[in-house]
Amino acid sequence: MSENGKDKKTCPICNGSGDVSSFGIDVAKRRADLGLGRYQLAALCGISNVTIGNVERGDTSPRITTMKAIDEALAAIEVERERNR
């Protein structure tokens, strides 16, 4: 629990470290490993392909909601592919 008595949530992207500097690199690798194009990933998570590119290159500091949407879209595809093996 945090100081104010409420449960503290841990960021699923950085595991509470606050360091998201490698997020874009991880997104690019996961996307490539899945054989997805930027347009495909953008459509799956409701974010523009320009934003996906900016995140992957580290040209922007994405909002947590953007990071969560990207991470959830990639995770869903990874789970689905693992089930179909």
Protein backbone atom coordinates (compact mmCIF):
# COMPACT_ATOMS: atom_id res chain seq x y z
CA MET A 1 0.00 0.00 0.00
CA SER A 2 1.11 3.53 -0.63
CA GLU A 3 1.42 6.33 1.92
CA ASN A 4 -2.22 7.37 1.52
CA GLY A 5 -3.47 3.86 2.28
CA LYS A 6 -4.52 3.04 -1.28
CA ASP A 7 -3.12 0.15 -3.28
CA LYS A 8 -0.33 1.30 -5.54
CA LYS A 9 -0.59 0.02 -9.10
CA THR A 10 2.54 -1.05 -10.92
CA CYS A 11 3.01 -0.06 -14.53
CA PRO A 12 2.76 -3.19 -16.71
CA ILE A 13 5.13 -1.67 -19.24
CA CYS A 14 8.08 -0.74 -17.03
CA ASN A 15 7.24 -2.88 -13.97
CA GLY A 16 7.35 0.18 -11.76
CA SER A 17 10.87 1.26 -12.68
CA GLY A 18 9.68 4.35 -14.54
CA ASP A 19 12.14 3.55 -17.33
CA VAL A 20 10.34 3.25 -20.65
CA SER A 21 13.34 4.14 -22.81
CA SER A 22 13.50 0.70 -24.39
CA PHE A 23 9.76 0.47 -25.01
CA GLY A 24 10.00 1.53 -28.66
CA ILE A 25 12.80 -0.93 -29.37
CA ASP A 26 10.75 -3.70 -27.76
CA VAL A 27 7.67 -2.73 -29.81
CA ALA A 28 9.64 -2.81 -33.07
CA LYS A 29 11.12 -6.21 -32.24
CA ARG A 30 7.83 -7.77 -31.15
CA ARG A 31 6.03 -6.36 -34.19
CA ALA A 32 8.72 -7.71 -36.55
CA ASP A 33 8.72 -11.10 -34.80
CA LEU A 34 4.97 -11.29 -35.40
CA GLY A 35 5.35 -10.27 -39.04
CA LEU A 36 3.17 -7.20 -38.62
CA GLY A 37 3.53 -3.93 -40.48
CA ARG A 38 3.12 -0.59 -38.75
CA TYR A 39 -0.24 -0.07 -40.45
CA GLN A 40 -1.47 -3.43 -39.17
CA LEU A 41 -0.39 -2.74 -35.59
CA ALA A 42 -1.85 0.76 -35.76
CA ALA A 43 -5.21 -0.61 -36.86
CA LEU A 44 -5.21 -3.22 -34.09
CA CYS A 45 -4.58 -0.74 -31.31
CA GLY A 46 -6.39 2.30 -32.68
CA ILE A 47 -3.30 4.47 -32.94
CA SER A 48 -1.92 6.12 -36.08
CA ASN A 49 0.90 4.44 -37.95
CA VAL A 50 2.87 7.70 -37.60
CA THR A 51 2.65 7.39 -33.81
CA ILE A 52 3.76 3.75 -33.97
CA GLY A 53 6.81 4.82 -35.99
CA ASN A 54 7.59 7.69 -33.62
CA VAL A 55 7.36 5.36 -30.62
CA GLU A 56 9.59 2.73 -32.23
CA ARG A 57 12.26 5.31 -33.14
CA GLY A 58 12.08 6.96 -29.72
CA ASP A 59 11.02 10.24 -31.30
CA THR A 60 8.24 10.72 -28.76
CA SER A 61 7.49 10.00 -25.13
CA PRO A 62 4.22 8.10 -25.44
CA ARG A 63 1.41 8.42 -22.95
CA ILE A 64 0.82 5.44 -20.72
CA THR A 65 -2.51 4.86 -22.47
CA THR A 66 -0.70 4.66 -25.82
CA MET A 67 1.89 2.27 -24.45
CA LYS A 68 -0.81 0.14 -22.87
CA ALA A 69 -2.82 -0.03 -26.11
CA ILE A 70 0.26 -1.10 -28.10
CA ASP A 71 1.34 -3.63 -25.49
CA GLU A 72 -2.13 -5.15 -25.20
CA ALA A 73 -2.51 -5.46 -28.99
CA LEU A 74 0.86 -7.20 -29.33
CA ALA A 75 0.20 -9.44 -26.33
CA ALA A 76 -3.17 -10.52 -27.72
CA ILE A 77 -1.59 -11.55 -31.01
CA GLU A 78 1.24 -13.36 -29.23
CA VAL A 79 -1.25 -15.32 -27.11
CA GLU A 80 -3.39 -16.18 -30.13
CA ARG A 81 -0.38 -17.40 -32.11
CA GLU A 82 0.83 -19.46 -29.17
CA ARG A 83 -2.60 -21.13 -28.89
CA ASN A 84 -2.54 -22.02 -32.58
CA ARG A 85 0.83 -23.77 -32.40
